[in-house]
Amino acid sequence: MLSPIYYFLTFTEGILTFISPCLLPMLPIYFIYLAGGSEQNINPKSRLLINSIGFVIGFSLVFTVLGATATSLGHFLSNHRGLLEKISGAIMIVFGLNFIGILKISFINVEKRIDFQFKSLRFITSIIFGMVFAFGWSPCLSSFLGSALALASNSKTILEGVLLLLCFSIGLGIPFIITSIIFEKVKGAFKKIQTHIRTINVVSGALLIIAGILVFTGSFKYFSYFGL
């Protein structure tokens, strides 16, 4: 059974993804898009909230499936569990170094987008939009999601892998939904947060590096002694 610290880590990575420098500037655009058109008898604020929930459901579905896939791959390589942990830890460390800027890895930093056009989003199409967002990994999403998938590959059951990625989705989804509720009041805050992007990068990258070292050395097991 995985230590709760694993789930807390992936939840935190989801939150850090939300405020990451390559996703944060795009958030106002996403919210305006989700608020989409104006029609009679439809409250724009209600539509934004409902569509945002659909959007979160969409990317959560994709991420949890990826978590199950990563765990299944881990089971396939179960006879080399120790090696898999070291590879996973090394990947997390590399992602952290890349995020801070110490390393520059081109294939991680290439943004992949799927251009899917929606004229006027509704709940169902917002779910599809969220799935498109999940498949169109940005550099920041790749770093944190890659780290979460690395942890999932070390899970003993598919359920644990799914729950890890569900925690990641919740970490990303909760601030997304909260922001959709108070969007008009916090639009200006996005610019202020962007002035601290370098600090966010360093803290986020350091978290990935520390987690990677713990996975690489197998030190996460010691947290169980403290009930974590």
Protein backbone atom coordinates (compact mmCIF):
# COMPACT_ATOMS: atom_id res chain seq x y z
CA MET A 1 0.00 0.00 0.00
CA LEU A 2 1.39 3.39 -0.99
CA SER A 3 2.19 5.93 1.70
CA PRO A 4 -0.22 8.92 1.80
CA ILE A 5 2.80 11.13 1.10
CA TYR A 6 2.72 9.90 -2.51
CA TYR A 7 -0.84 11.12 -2.95
CA PHE A 8 -0.03 14.44 -1.28
CA LEU A 9 2.94 14.87 -3.61
CA THR A 10 0.90 14.34 -6.79
CA PHE A 11 -1.84 16.63 -5.41
CA THR A 12 0.80 19.33 -4.85
CA GLU A 13 2.17 18.80 -8.34
CA GLY A 14 -1.34 19.44 -9.69
CA ILE A 15 -1.51 22.76 -7.84
CA LEU A 16 1.96 23.74 -9.07
CA THR A 17 0.87 22.92 -12.63
CA PHE A 18 -1.97 25.44 -12.26
CA ILE A 19 0.44 28.28 -11.38
CA SER A 20 3.22 27.17 -13.71
CA PRO A 21 4.63 29.86 -16.04
CA CYS A 22 3.49 28.28 -19.30
CA LEU A 23 -0.07 27.53 -18.14
CA LEU A 24 -0.79 30.59 -16.00
CA PRO A 25 -0.73 33.17 -18.84
CA MET A 26 -3.17 30.98 -20.80
CA LEU A 27 -5.73 30.66 -17.99
CA PRO A 28 -7.65 33.90 -18.73
CA ILE A 29 -8.02 32.71 -22.33
CA TYR A 30 -9.31 29.32 -21.19
CA PHE A 31 -11.83 30.95 -18.84
CA ILE A 32 -13.07 33.39 -21.47
CA TYR A 33 -13.41 30.48 -23.88
CA LEU A 34 -15.29 28.39 -21.32
CA ALA A 35 -17.59 31.32 -20.54
CA GLY A 36 -18.23 31.39 -24.33
CA GLY A 37 -21.06 33.25 -26.18
CA SER A 38 -23.95 34.95 -24.59
CA GLU A 39 -27.46 33.59 -25.02
CA GLN A 40 -30.76 34.52 -23.49
CA ASN A 41 -31.65 32.86 -20.18
CA ILE A 42 -28.04 31.74 -19.65
CA ASN A 43 -25.99 33.36 -16.88
CA PRO A 44 -22.36 33.72 -18.10
CA LYS A 45 -21.07 33.03 -14.57
CA SER A 46 -23.12 29.85 -14.31
CA ARG A 47 -21.97 28.72 -17.72
CA LEU A 48 -18.33 29.37 -16.81
CA LEU A 49 -18.66 27.28 -13.64
CA ILE A 50 -20.54 24.42 -15.33
CA ASN A 51 -18.18 24.36 -18.31
CA SER A 52 -15.14 24.55 -16.01
CA ILE A 53 -16.39 21.49 -14.12
CA GLY A 54 -16.78 19.70 -17.47
CA PHE A 55 -13.28 20.79 -18.48
CA VAL A 56 -11.83 19.39 -15.23
CA ILE A 57 -13.73 16.11 -15.70
CA GLY A 58 -12.29 15.87 -19.22
CA PHE A 59 -8.63 16.14 -18.31
CA SER A 60 -9.16 14.02 -15.18
CA LEU A 61 -10.49 11.15 -17.31
CA VAL A 62 -7.41 11.23 -19.53
CA PHE A 63 -4.94 11.54 -16.64
CA THR A 64 -6.45 8.66 -14.65
CA VAL A 65 -6.36 6.40 -17.71
CA LEU A 66 -2.70 7.34 -18.16
CA GLY A 67 -2.15 6.48 -14.49
CA ALA A 68 -3.66 3.02 -14.99
CA THR A 69 -1.51 2.53 -18.10
CA ALA A 70 1.67 3.55 -16.27
CA THR A 71 0.89 1.14 -13.42
CA SER A 72 0.22 -1.69 -15.89
CA LEU A 73 3.60 -1.02 -17.50
CA GLY A 74 5.16 -1.10 -14.04
CA HIS A 75 3.60 -4.51 -13.40
CA PHE A 76 5.03 -5.73 -16.69
CA LEU A 77 8.47 -4.72 -15.43
CA SER A 78 7.81 -5.85 -11.84
CA ASN A 79 10.80 -8.21 -11.83
CA HIS A 80 12.99 -5.13 -12.15
CA ARG A 81 11.20 -3.02 -9.51
CA GLY A 82 14.42 -1.61 -8.05
CA LEU A 83 15.68 -0.52 -11.46
CA LEU A 84 12.27 0.97 -12.30
CA GLU A 85 12.36 3.07 -9.12
CA LYS A 86 15.81 4.41 -10.00
CA ILE A 87 14.76 5.22 -13.56
CA SER A 88 11.59 6.94 -12.29
CA GLY A 89 13.57 8.93 -9.72
CA ALA A 90 16.16 9.94 -12.33
CA ILE A 91 13.39 11.11 -14.69
CA MET A 92 11.86 13.24 -11.93
CA ILE A 93 15.25 14.79 -11.13
CA VAL A 94 15.84 15.60 -14.82
CA PHE A 95 12.37 17.16 -15.07
CA GLY A 96 13.15 19.29 -12.00
CA LEU A 97 16.52 20.44 -13.35
CA ASN A 98 14.87 21.29 -16.67
CA PHE A 99 12.11 23.22 -14.91
CA ILE A 100 14.59 25.32 -12.93
CA GLY A 101 16.58 25.98 -16.09
CA ILE A 102 19.80 24.17 -15.17
CA LEU A 103 19.15 21.73 -18.00
CA LYS A 104 17.50 22.58 -21.31
CA ILE A 105 15.90 19.53 -22.89
CA SER A 106 14.27 20.38 -26.20
CA PHE A 107 11.77 17.51 -26.47
CA ILE A 108 10.37 18.32 -23.00
CA ASN A 109 10.05 22.00 -23.79
CA VAL A 110 8.29 21.55 -27.12
CA GLU A 111 4.64 22.46 -26.71
CA LYS A 112 2.24 20.04 -28.36
CA ARG A 113 -1.25 21.30 -29.07
CA ILE A 114 -4.25 19.79 -30.74
CA ASP A 115 -6.20 22.55 -32.45
CA PHE A 116 -9.84 21.62 -31.88
CA GLN A 117 -12.32 24.39 -32.61
CA PHE A 118 -15.46 24.87 -30.49
CA LYS A 119 -17.94 27.59 -31.39
CA SER A 120 -19.94 27.68 -28.18
CA LEU A 121 -19.00 25.35 -25.35
CA ARG A 122 -21.54 23.39 -23.34
CA PHE A 123 -20.95 20.87 -20.56
CA ILE A 124 -20.32 17.89 -22.86
CA THR A 125 -18.12 19.82 -25.30
CA SER A 126 -16.23 21.24 -22.30
CA ILE A 127 -15.42 17.66 -21.26
CA ILE A 128 -14.05 17.05 -24.76
CA PHE A 129 -12.13 20.34 -24.52
CA GLY A 130 -10.60 19.14 -21.23
CA MET A 131 -9.54 15.89 -22.87
CA VAL A 132 -7.96 17.83 -25.74
CA PHE A 133 -6.12 19.96 -23.16
CA ALA A 134 -4.80 16.79 -21.47
CA PHE A 135 -3.50 15.34 -24.73
CA GLY A 136 -1.99 18.67 -25.82
CA TRP A 137 0.69 18.59 -23.13
CA SER A 138 2.47 21.90 -22.56
CA PRO A 139 6.10 21.86 -21.27
CA CYS A 140 5.01 22.52 -17.67
CA LEU A 141 2.28 19.90 -17.83
CA SER A 142 4.78 17.38 -19.18
CA SER A 143 7.14 17.95 -16.25
CA PHE A 144 4.63 17.53 -13.43
CA LEU A 145 2.47 14.95 -15.18
CA GLY A 146 5.58 12.98 -16.12
CA SER A 147 6.61 12.97 -12.48
CA ALA A 148 3.16 11.75 -11.38
CA LEU A 149 3.22 9.00 -14.01
CA ALA A 150 6.68 7.95 -12.85
CA LEU A 151 5.25 7.49 -9.35
CA ALA A 152 2.26 5.62 -10.76
CA SER A 153 4.56 3.19 -12.58
CA ASN A 154 5.85 2.11 -9.16
CA SER A 155 2.35 1.45 -7.77
CA LYS A 156 1.52 -2.09 -6.76
CA THR A 157 -2.07 -1.97 -8.03
CA ILE A 158 -3.81 -0.22 -10.89
CA LEU A 159 -6.16 1.38 -8.34
CA GLU A 160 -3.19 3.07 -6.66
CA GLY A 161 -1.98 4.40 -10.01
CA VAL A 162 -5.43 5.72 -10.83
CA LEU A 163 -5.73 7.36 -7.40
CA LEU A 164 -2.32 9.02 -7.80
CA LEU A 165 -3.36 10.64 -11.07
CA LEU A 166 -6.78 11.46 -9.62
CA CYS A 167 -4.98 13.38 -6.85
CA PHE A 168 -2.97 15.19 -9.52
CA SER A 169 -6.21 16.06 -11.34
CA ILE A 170 -7.85 17.27 -8.12
CA GLY A 171 -4.81 19.44 -7.36
CA LEU A 172 -5.11 21.03 -10.80
CA GLY A 173 -8.92 21.04 -10.86
CA ILE A 174 -9.76 22.62 -7.48
CA PRO A 175 -7.98 25.97 -8.10
CA PHE A 176 -9.34 25.91 -11.67
CA ILE A 177 -12.95 25.65 -10.46
CA ILE A 178 -12.43 28.15 -7.62
CA THR A 179 -10.93 30.64 -10.07
CA SER A 180 -13.89 30.18 -12.43
CA ILE A 181 -16.21 31.21 -9.58
CA ILE A 182 -14.27 34.39 -8.74
CA PHE A 183 -12.77 35.02 -12.17
CA GLU A 184 -13.89 38.65 -12.48
CA LYS A 185 -12.26 39.48 -9.15
CA VAL A 186 -8.92 37.75 -9.76
CA LYS A 187 -8.14 38.59 -13.39
CA GLY A 188 -5.63 41.22 -12.25
CA ALA A 189 -3.95 38.75 -9.89
CA PHE A 190 -2.64 36.69 -12.81
CA LYS A 191 -0.30 39.51 -13.84
CA LYS A 192 0.98 39.93 -10.27
CA ILE A 193 1.70 36.22 -9.95
CA GLN A 194 3.65 36.32 -13.20
CA THR A 195 6.15 38.73 -11.59
CA HIS A 196 7.17 35.84 -9.30
CA ILE A 197 7.50 33.25 -12.05
CA ARG A 198 11.22 32.69 -11.42
CA THR A 199 10.59 31.90 -7.74
CA ILE A 200 7.74 29.55 -8.70
CA ASN A 201 10.04 27.80 -11.17
CA VAL A 202 12.78 27.27 -8.59
CA VAL A 203 10.41 26.02 -5.86
CA SER A 204 8.55 23.74 -8.28
CA GLY A 205 11.76 22.34 -9.77
CA ALA A 206 13.25 21.81 -6.32
CA LEU A 207 10.17 19.83 -5.27
CA LEU A 208 10.55 17.55 -8.30
CA ILE A 209 14.26 17.06 -7.59
CA ILE A 210 13.71 16.24 -3.90
CA ALA A 211 10.90 13.81 -4.76
CA GLY A 212 13.09 12.25 -7.46
CA ILE A 213 15.94 11.71 -4.99
CA LEU A 214 13.53 10.09 -2.50
CA VAL A 215 12.18 7.75 -5.18
CA PHE A 216 15.66 6.99 -6.55
CA THR A 217 17.01 6.06 -3.11
CA GLY A 218 13.81 4.29 -2.00
CA SER A 219 13.54 6.68 0.95
CA PHE A 220 9.78 7.21 0.67
CA LYS A 221 9.25 4.02 2.65
CA TYR A 222 10.62 5.73 5.77
CA PHE A 223 7.67 8.12 5.83
CA SER A 224 5.45 5.15 6.77
CA TYR A 225 7.20 5.05 10.13
CA PHE A 226 5.67 8.44 10.90
CA GLY A 227 2.22 7.45 9.68
CA LEU A 228 2.66 9.37 6.40
